[in-house]
Amino acid sequence: MNKLAKLLPALALVLGATLAMAMNFANPQPMQVFAEDPENPGQFIDVTSLEPGVDYICDQTGDCLYDAPNGNVVQQGTFIDLR
């Protein structure tokens, strides 16, 4: 009985770590990516489903990709549509 009582804190730690990992990895939201339309400044294009290097590229200067229309910049460069 004493051996079991001594193991309880370790078992509680293992259980807590398991629950924390299970809640941490549950259904992450896919990140949407937007780019400012070069033909219509101020308008944004959803490029989440487009393939970089095939459908578009980000040149060296400027702001290329955003996490939302008028959102935070997630990749530097000038958006060039290759479609």
PDB file of N, CA and C in Angstrom:
ATOM      1  N   MET A   1       0.823  -1.193   0.000  1.00  0.00           N
ATOM      2  CA  MET A   1       0.000   0.000   0.000  1.00  0.00           C
ATOM      3  C   MET A   1       0.866   1.255   0.000  1.00  0.00           C
ATOM      4  N   ASN A   2       1.970   1.213   0.765  1.00  0.00           N
ATOM      5  CA  ASN A   2       2.873   2.363   0.798  1.00  0.00           C
ATOM      6  C   ASN A   2       3.517   2.603  -0.563  1.00  0.00           C
ATOM      7  N   LYS A   3       3.841   1.524  -1.305  1.00  0.00           N
ATOM      8  CA  LYS A   3       4.434   1.677  -2.626  1.00  0.00           C
ATOM      9  C   LYS A   3       3.458   2.392  -3.565  1.00  0.00           C
ATOM     10  N   LEU A   4       2.190   2.025  -3.488  1.00  0.00           N
ATOM     11  CA  LEU A   4       1.175   2.661  -4.324  1.00  0.00           C
ATOM     12  C   LEU A   4       1.018   4.134  -3.959  1.00  0.00           C
ATOM     13  N   ALA A   5       1.058   4.440  -2.687  1.00  0.00           N
ATOM     14  CA  ALA A   5       0.926   5.826  -2.241  1.00  0.00           C
ATOM     15  C   ALA A   5       2.105   6.670  -2.729  1.00  0.00           C
ATOM     16  N   LYS A   6       3.297   6.083  -2.808  1.00  0.00           N
ATOM     17  CA  LYS A   6       4.470   6.812  -3.275  1.00  0.00           C
ATOM     18  C   LYS A   6       4.418   7.048  -4.782  1.00  0.00           C
ATOM     19  N   LEU A   7       3.715   6.197  -5.532  1.00  0.00           N
ATOM     20  CA  LEU A   7       3.618   6.331  -6.982  1.00  0.00           C
ATOM     21  C   LEU A   7       2.516   7.289  -7.438  1.00  0.00           C
ATOM     22  N   LEU A   8       1.603   7.652  -6.567  1.00  0.00           N
ATOM     23  CA  LEU A   8       0.486   8.515  -6.950  1.00  0.00           C
ATOM     24  C   LEU A   8       0.907   9.860  -7.558  1.00  0.00           C
ATOM     25  N   PRO A   9       1.883  10.576  -7.011  1.00  0.00           N
ATOM     26  CA  PRO A   9       2.272  11.840  -7.659  1.00  0.00           C
ATOM     27  C   PRO A   9       2.811  11.630  -9.080  1.00  0.00           C
ATOM     28  N   ALA A  10       3.559  10.587  -9.315  1.00  0.00           N
ATOM     29  CA  ALA A  10       4.090  10.317 -10.647  1.00  0.00           C
ATOM     30  C   ALA A  10       2.958   9.951 -11.607  1.00  0.00           C
ATOM     31  N   LEU A  11       1.999   9.176 -11.153  1.00  0.00           N
ATOM     32  CA  LEU A  11       0.864   8.810 -11.985  1.00  0.00           C
ATOM     33  C   LEU A  11       0.010  10.038 -12.330  1.00  0.00           C
ATOM     34  N   ALA A  12      -0.155  10.933 -11.387  1.00  0.00           N
ATOM     35  CA  ALA A  12      -0.908  12.159 -11.642  1.00  0.00           C
ATOM     36  C   ALA A  12      -0.181  13.031 -12.670  1.00  0.00           C
ATOM     37  N   LEU A  13       1.142  13.086 -12.597  1.00  0.00           N
ATOM     38  CA  LEU A  13       1.922  13.846 -13.561  1.00  0.00           C
ATOM     39  C   LEU A  13       1.780  13.263 -14.967  1.00  0.00           C
ATOM     40  N   VAL A  14       1.838  11.949 -15.088  1.00  0.00           N
ATOM     41  CA  VAL A  14       1.682  11.288 -16.383  1.00  0.00           C
ATOM     42  C   VAL A  14       0.279  11.539 -16.938  1.00  0.00           C
ATOM     43  N   LEU A  15      -0.730  11.428 -16.125  1.00  0.00           N
ATOM     44  CA  LEU A  15      -2.100  11.673 -16.557  1.00  0.00           C
ATOM     45  C   LEU A  15      -2.275  13.128 -17.009  1.00  0.00           C
ATOM     46  N   GLY A  16      -1.725  14.063 -16.257  1.00  0.00           N
ATOM     47  CA  GLY A  16      -1.817  15.479 -16.629  1.00  0.00           C
ATOM     48  C   GLY A  16      -1.107  15.779 -17.934  1.00  0.00           C
ATOM     49  N   ALA A  17       0.065  15.208 -18.129  1.00  0.00           N
ATOM     50  CA  ALA A  17       0.800  15.428 -19.381  1.00  0.00           C
ATOM     51  C   ALA A  17       0.050  14.830 -20.567  1.00  0.00           C
ATOM     52  N   THR A  18      -0.558  13.673 -20.382  1.00  0.00           N
ATOM     53  CA  THR A  18      -1.323  13.032 -21.456  1.00  0.00           C
ATOM     54  C   THR A  18      -2.529  13.884 -21.840  1.00  0.00           C
ATOM     55  N   LEU A  19      -3.230  14.406 -20.869  1.00  0.00           N
ATOM     56  CA  LEU A  19      -4.393  15.255 -21.158  1.00  0.00           C
ATOM     57  C   LEU A  19      -3.974  16.564 -21.828  1.00  0.00           C
ATOM     58  N   ALA A  20      -2.850  17.130 -21.404  1.00  0.00           N
ATOM     59  CA  ALA A  20      -2.388  18.372 -22.020  1.00  0.00           C
ATOM     60  C   ALA A  20      -2.023  18.153 -23.480  1.00  0.00           C
ATOM     61  N   MET A  21      -1.370  17.063 -23.796  1.00  0.00           N
ATOM     62  CA  MET A  21      -1.011  16.774 -25.180  1.00  0.00           C
ATOM     63  C   MET A  21      -2.260  16.498 -26.020  1.00  0.00           C
ATOM     64  N   ALA A  22      -3.233  15.813 -25.465  1.00  0.00           N
ATOM     65  CA  ALA A  22      -4.451  15.502 -26.208  1.00  0.00           C
ATOM     66  C   ALA A  22      -5.218  16.774 -26.555  1.00  0.00           C
ATOM     67  N   MET A  23      -5.244  17.744 -25.680  1.00  0.00           N
ATOM     68  CA  MET A  23      -5.965  18.991 -25.948  1.00  0.00           C
ATOM     69  C   MET A  23      -5.165  19.930 -26.845  1.00  0.00           C
ATOM     70  N   ASN A  24      -3.860  19.812 -26.830  1.00  0.00           N
ATOM     71  CA  ASN A  24      -3.005  20.700 -27.605  1.00  0.00           C
ATOM     72  C   ASN A  24      -3.056  20.404 -29.101  1.00  0.00           C
ATOM     73  N   PHE A  25      -3.215  19.160 -29.505  1.00  0.00           N
ATOM     74  CA  PHE A  25      -3.163  18.785 -30.906  1.00  0.00           C
ATOM     75  C   PHE A  25      -4.532  18.555 -31.537  1.00  0.00           C
ATOM     76  N   ALA A  26      -5.582  18.929 -30.891  1.00  0.00           N
ATOM     77  CA  ALA A  26      -6.920  18.646 -31.395  1.00  0.00           C
ATOM     78  C   ALA A  26      -7.331  19.621 -32.490  1.00  0.00           C
ATOM     79  N   ASN A  27      -7.532  19.123 -33.687  1.00  0.00           N
ATOM     80  CA  ASN A  27      -8.096  19.850 -34.828  1.00  0.00           C
ATOM     81  C   ASN A  27      -7.527  21.253 -35.049  1.00  0.00           C
ATOM     82  N   PRO A  28      -6.278  21.368 -35.502  1.00  0.00           N
ATOM     83  CA  PRO A  28      -5.759  22.707 -35.787  1.00  0.00           C
ATOM     84  C   PRO A  28      -6.461  23.312 -36.998  1.00  0.00           C
ATOM     85  N   GLN A  29      -6.701  24.611 -36.956  1.00  0.00           N
ATOM     86  CA  GLN A  29      -7.347  25.315 -38.063  1.00  0.00           C
ATOM     87  C   GLN A  29      -6.327  25.527 -39.178  1.00  0.00           C
ATOM     88  N   PRO A  30      -6.677  25.213 -40.414  1.00  0.00           N
ATOM     89  CA  PRO A  30      -5.749  25.495 -41.505  1.00  0.00           C
ATOM     90  C   PRO A  30      -5.612  27.015 -41.696  1.00  0.00           C
ATOM     91  N   MET A  31      -4.404  27.449 -41.966  1.00  0.00           N
ATOM     92  CA  MET A  31      -4.148  28.877 -42.117  1.00  0.00           C
ATOM     93  C   MET A  31      -4.555  29.341 -43.507  1.00  0.00           C
ATOM     94  N   GLN A  32      -5.354  30.384 -43.566  1.00  0.00           N
ATOM     95  CA  GLN A  32      -5.705  30.985 -44.846  1.00  0.00           C
ATOM     96  C   GLN A  32      -4.664  32.031 -45.194  1.00  0.00           C
ATOM     97  N   VAL A  33      -4.368  32.146 -46.492  1.00  0.00           N
ATOM     98  CA  VAL A  33      -3.364  33.089 -46.959  1.00  0.00           C
ATOM     99  C   VAL A  33      -3.977  33.962 -48.052  1.00  0.00           C
ATOM    100  N   PHE A  34      -3.732  35.253 -47.968  1.00  0.00           N
ATOM    101  CA  PHE A  34      -4.276  36.212 -48.928  1.00  0.00           C
ATOM    102  C   PHE A  34      -3.144  37.041 -49.517  1.00  0.00           C
ATOM    103  N   ALA A  35      -3.364  37.525 -50.740  1.00  0.00           N
ATOM    104  CA  ALA A  35      -2.416  38.415 -51.406  1.00  0.00           C
ATOM    105  C   ALA A  35      -3.188  39.583 -52.006  1.00  0.00           C
ATOM    106  N   GLU A  36      -2.549  40.736 -52.028  1.00  0.00           N
ATOM    107  CA  GLU A  36      -3.188  41.909 -52.639  1.00  0.00           C
ATOM    108  C   GLU A  36      -3.156  41.754 -54.150  1.00  0.00           C
ATOM    109  N   ASP A  37      -4.302  41.967 -54.779  1.00  0.00           N
ATOM    110  CA  ASP A  37      -4.429  41.832 -56.229  1.00  0.00           C
ATOM    111  C   ASP A  37      -3.608  42.928 -56.911  1.00  0.00           C
ATOM    112  N   PRO A  38      -2.609  42.551 -57.738  1.00  0.00           N
ATOM    113  CA  PRO A  38      -1.787  43.586 -58.380  1.00  0.00           C
ATOM    114  C   PRO A  38      -2.565  44.439 -59.387  1.00  0.00           C
ATOM    115  N   GLU A  39      -3.629  43.904 -59.959  1.00  0.00           N
ATOM    116  CA  GLU A  39      -4.430  44.661 -60.938  1.00  0.00           C
ATOM    117  C   GLU A  39      -5.449  45.573 -60.265  1.00  0.00           C
ATOM    118  N   ASN A  40      -5.875  45.224 -59.043  1.00  0.00           N
ATOM    119  CA  ASN A  40      -6.857  46.009 -58.292  1.00  0.00           C
ATOM    120  C   ASN A  40      -6.321  46.246 -56.876  1.00  0.00           C
ATOM    121  N   PRO A  41      -5.430  47.219 -56.694  1.00  0.00           N
ATOM    122  CA  PRO A  41      -4.902  47.486 -55.350  1.00  0.00           C
ATOM    123  C   PRO A  41      -6.033  47.746 -54.352  1.00  0.00           C
ATOM    124  N   GLY A  42      -5.889  47.191 -53.176  1.00  0.00           N
ATOM    125  CA  GLY A  42      -6.929  47.290 -52.161  1.00  0.00           C
ATOM    126  C   GLY A  42      -7.829  46.073 -52.127  1.00  0.00           C
ATOM    127  N   GLN A  43      -7.830  45.280 -53.188  1.00  0.00           N
ATOM    128  CA  GLN A  43      -8.591  44.030 -53.245  1.00  0.00           C
ATOM    129  C   GLN A  43      -7.636  42.875 -52.924  1.00  0.00           C
ATOM    130  N   PHE A  44      -8.147  41.855 -52.239  1.00  0.00           N
ATOM    131  CA  PHE A  44      -7.308  40.731 -51.852  1.00  0.00           C
ATOM    132  C   PHE A  44      -7.802  39.438 -52.485  1.00  0.00           C
ATOM    133  N   ILE A  45      -6.852  38.558 -52.817  1.00  0.00           N
ATOM    134  CA  ILE A  45      -7.125  37.260 -53.430  1.00  0.00           C
ATOM    135  C   ILE A  45      -6.825  36.178 -52.398  1.00  0.00           C
ATOM    136  N   ASP A  46      -7.718  35.192 -52.270  1.00  0.00           N
ATOM    137  CA  ASP A  46      -7.457  34.046 -51.400  1.00  0.00           C
ATOM    138  C   ASP A  46      -6.548  33.082 -52.173  1.00  0.00           C
ATOM    139  N   VAL A  47      -5.307  32.937 -51.730  1.00  0.00           N
ATOM    140  CA  VAL A  47      -4.342  32.074 -52.411  1.00  0.00           C
ATOM    141  C   VAL A  47      -4.048  30.803 -51.610  1.00  0.00           C
ATOM    142  N   THR A  48      -4.926  30.471 -50.677  1.00  0.00           N
ATOM    143  CA  THR A  48      -4.721  29.308 -49.828  1.00  0.00           C
ATOM    144  C   THR A  48      -4.586  28.034 -50.643  1.00  0.00           C
ATOM    145  N   SER A  49      -5.412  27.873 -51.678  1.00  0.00           N
ATOM    146  CA  SER A  49      -5.409  26.638 -52.465  1.00  0.00           C
ATOM    147  C   SER A  49      -4.434  26.682 -53.642  1.00  0.00           C
ATOM    148  N   LEU A  50      -3.770  27.822 -53.860  1.00  0.00           N
ATOM    149  CA  LEU A  50      -2.824  27.945 -54.966  1.00  0.00           C
ATOM    150  C   LEU A  50      -1.452  27.431 -54.549  1.00  0.00           C
ATOM    151  N   GLU A  51      -0.684  26.969 -55.523  1.00  0.00           N
ATOM    152  CA  GLU A  51       0.629  26.394 -55.243  1.00  0.00           C
ATOM    153  C   GLU A  51       1.722  27.428 -55.511  1.00  0.00           C
ATOM    154  N   PRO A  52       2.532  27.738 -54.486  1.00  0.00           N
ATOM    155  CA  PRO A  52       3.619  28.701 -54.693  1.00  0.00           C
ATOM    156  C   PRO A  52       4.616  28.173 -55.725  1.00  0.00           C
ATOM    157  N   GLY A  53       5.101  29.061 -56.578  1.00  0.00           N
ATOM    158  CA  GLY A  53       6.054  28.673 -57.602  1.00  0.00           C
ATOM    159  C   GLY A  53       5.398  28.206 -58.889  1.00  0.00           C
ATOM    160  N   VAL A  54       4.153  27.753 -58.812  1.00  0.00           N
ATOM    161  CA  VAL A  54       3.406  27.312 -59.991  1.00  0.00           C
ATOM    162  C   VAL A  54       2.344  28.344 -60.346  1.00  0.00           C
ATOM    163  N   ASP A  55       1.539  28.730 -59.358  1.00  0.00           N
ATOM    164  CA  ASP A  55       0.446  29.684 -59.575  1.00  0.00           C
ATOM    165  C   ASP A  55       0.860  31.136 -59.271  1.00  0.00           C
ATOM    166  N   TYR A  56       1.822  31.313 -58.372  1.00  0.00           N
ATOM    167  CA  TYR A  56       2.285  32.650 -58.019  1.00  0.00           C
ATOM    168  C   TYR A  56       3.694  32.562 -57.442  1.00  0.00           C
ATOM    169  N   ILE A  57       4.365  33.714 -57.426  1.00  0.00           N
ATOM    170  CA  ILE A  57       5.648  33.827 -56.741  1.00  0.00           C
ATOM    171  C   ILE A  57       5.646  35.124 -55.939  1.00  0.00           C
ATOM    172  N   CYS A  58       6.522  35.196 -54.953  1.00  0.00           N
ATOM    173  CA  CYS A  58       6.726  36.409 -54.173  1.00  0.00           C
ATOM    174  C   CYS A  58       8.109  36.947 -54.521  1.00  0.00           C
ATOM    175  N   ASP A  59       8.143  38.107 -55.196  1.00  0.00           N
ATOM    176  CA  ASP A  59       9.402  38.732 -55.583  1.00  0.00           C
ATOM    177  C   ASP A  59      10.121  39.220 -54.322  1.00  0.00           C
ATOM    178  N   GLN A  60      11.244  39.880 -54.471  1.00  0.00           N
ATOM    179  CA  GLN A  60      12.114  40.194 -53.344  1.00  0.00           C
ATOM    180  C   GLN A  60      11.636  41.315 -52.435  1.00  0.00           C
ATOM    181  N   THR A  61      10.933  42.315 -52.943  1.00  0.00           N
ATOM    182  CA  THR A  61      10.607  43.476 -52.109  1.00  0.00           C
ATOM    183  C   THR A  61       9.106  43.604 -51.890  1.00  0.00           C
ATOM    184  N   GLY A  62       8.713  44.283 -50.838  1.00  0.00           N
ATOM    185  CA  GLY A  62       7.304  44.548 -50.557  1.00  0.00           C
ATOM    186  C   GLY A  62       6.694  43.512 -49.634  1.00  0.00           C
ATOM    187  N   ASP A  63       5.360  43.540 -49.536  1.00  0.00           N
ATOM    188  CA  ASP A  63       4.594  42.605 -48.722  1.00  0.00           C
ATOM    189  C   ASP A  63       3.826  41.681 -49.652  1.00  0.00           C
ATOM    190  N   CYS A  64       4.007  40.382 -49.515  1.00  0.00           N
ATOM    191  CA  CYS A  64       3.423  39.432 -50.464  1.00  0.00           C
ATOM    192  C   CYS A  64       2.158  38.772 -49.918  1.00  0.00           C
ATOM    193  N   LEU A  65       2.267  38.050 -48.819  1.00  0.00           N
ATOM    194  CA  LEU A  65       1.142  37.269 -48.308  1.00  0.00           C
ATOM    195  C   LEU A  65       0.709  37.759 -46.935  1.00  0.00           C
ATOM    196  N   TYR A  66      -0.588  37.714 -46.712  1.00  0.00           N
ATOM    197  CA  TYR A  66      -1.194  38.185 -45.463  1.00  0.00           C
ATOM    198  C   TYR A  66      -2.023  37.063 -44.851  1.00  0.00           C
ATOM    199  N   ASP A  67      -2.232  37.123 -43.531  1.00  0.00           N
ATOM    200  CA  ASP A  67      -3.056  36.114 -42.864  1.00  0.00           C
ATOM    201  C   ASP A  67      -4.547  36.417 -42.980  1.00  0.00           C
ATOM    202  N   ALA A  68      -4.900  37.606 -43.429  1.00  0.00           N
ATOM    203  CA  ALA A  68      -6.290  38.022 -43.651  1.00  0.00           C
ATOM    204  C   ALA A  68      -6.251  39.245 -44.564  1.00  0.00           C
ATOM    205  N   PRO A  69      -7.349  39.570 -45.235  1.00  0.00           N
ATOM    206  CA  PRO A  69      -7.355  40.821 -46.002  1.00  0.00           C
ATOM    207  C   PRO A  69      -7.016  41.999 -45.078  1.00  0.00           C
ATOM    208  N   ASN A  70      -6.041  42.794 -45.480  1.00  0.00           N
ATOM    209  CA  ASN A  70      -5.530  43.894 -44.646  1.00  0.00           C
ATOM    210  C   ASN A  70      -4.999  43.401 -43.308  1.00  0.00           C
ATOM    211  N   GLY A  71      -4.550  42.150 -43.254  1.00  0.00           N
ATOM    212  CA  GLY A  71      -4.051  41.565 -42.007  1.00  0.00           C
ATOM    213  C   GLY A  71      -2.541  41.700 -41.868  1.00  0.00           C
ATOM    214  N   ASN A  72      -1.977  40.818 -41.051  1.00  0.00           N
ATOM    215  CA  ASN A  72      -0.544  40.804 -40.798  1.00  0.00           C
ATOM    216  C   ASN A  72       0.197  40.136 -41.949  1.00  0.00           C
ATOM    217  N   VAL A  73       1.374  40.648 -42.253  1.00  0.00           N
ATOM    218  CA  VAL A  73       2.204  40.084 -43.318  1.00  0.00           C
ATOM    219  C   VAL A  73       2.815  38.775 -42.819  1.00  0.00           C
ATOM    220  N   VAL A  74       2.652  37.695 -43.606  1.00  0.00           N
ATOM    221  CA  VAL A  74       3.245  36.402 -43.249  1.00  0.00           C
ATOM    222  C   VAL A  74       4.403  36.047 -44.167  1.00  0.00           C
ATOM    223  N   GLN A  75       4.541  36.747 -45.309  1.00  0.00           N
ATOM    224  CA  GLN A  75       5.687  36.540 -46.197  1.00  0.00           C
ATOM    225  C   GLN A  75       5.991  37.833 -46.938  1.00  0.00           C
ATOM    226  N   GLN A  76       7.260  38.195 -46.946  1.00  0.00           N
ATOM    227  CA  GLN A  76       7.710  39.403 -47.620  1.00  0.00           C
ATOM    228  C   GLN A  76       7.871  39.146 -49.118  1.00  0.00           C
ATOM    229  N   GLY A  77       7.770  40.175 -49.914  1.00  0.00           N
ATOM    230  CA  GLY A  77       7.960  40.089 -51.355  1.00  0.00           C
ATOM    231  C   GLY A  77       6.764  40.682 -52.084  1.00  0.00           C
ATOM    232  N   THR A  78       6.904  40.881 -53.384  1.00  0.00           N
ATOM    233  CA  THR A  78       5.813  41.393 -54.206  1.00  0.00           C
ATOM    234  C   THR A  78       5.096  40.222 -54.861  1.00  0.00           C
ATOM    235  N   PHE A  79       3.778  40.172 -54.738  1.00  0.00           N
ATOM    236  CA  PHE A  79       2.974  39.084 -55.291  1.00  0.00           C
ATOM    237  C   PHE A  79       2.946  39.192 -56.810  1.00  0.00           C
ATOM    238  N   ILE A  80       3.302  38.097 -57.491  1.00  0.00           N
ATOM    239  CA  ILE A  80       3.229  38.025 -58.953  1.00  0.00           C
ATOM    240  C   ILE A  80       2.392  36.806 -59.312  1.00  0.00           C
ATOM    241  N   ASP A  81       1.245  37.048 -59.943  1.00  0.00           N
ATOM    242  CA  ASP A  81       0.311  35.984 -60.337  1.00  0.00           C
ATOM    243  C   ASP A  81       0.806  35.339 -61.632  1.00  0.00           C
ATOM    244  N   LEU A  82       0.989  34.021 -61.623  1.00  0.00           N
ATOM    245  CA  LEU A  82       1.469  33.296 -62.795  1.00  0.00           C
ATOM    246  C   LEU A  82       0.360  32.562 -63.540  1.00  0.00           C
ATOM    247  N   ARG A  83      -0.880  32.692 -63.080  1.00  0.00           N
ATOM    248  CA  ARG A  83      -1.974  31.966 -63.724  1.00  0.00           C
ATOM    249  C   ARG A  83      -2.377  32.596 -65.020  1.00  0.00           C
TER     250      ARG A  83
END
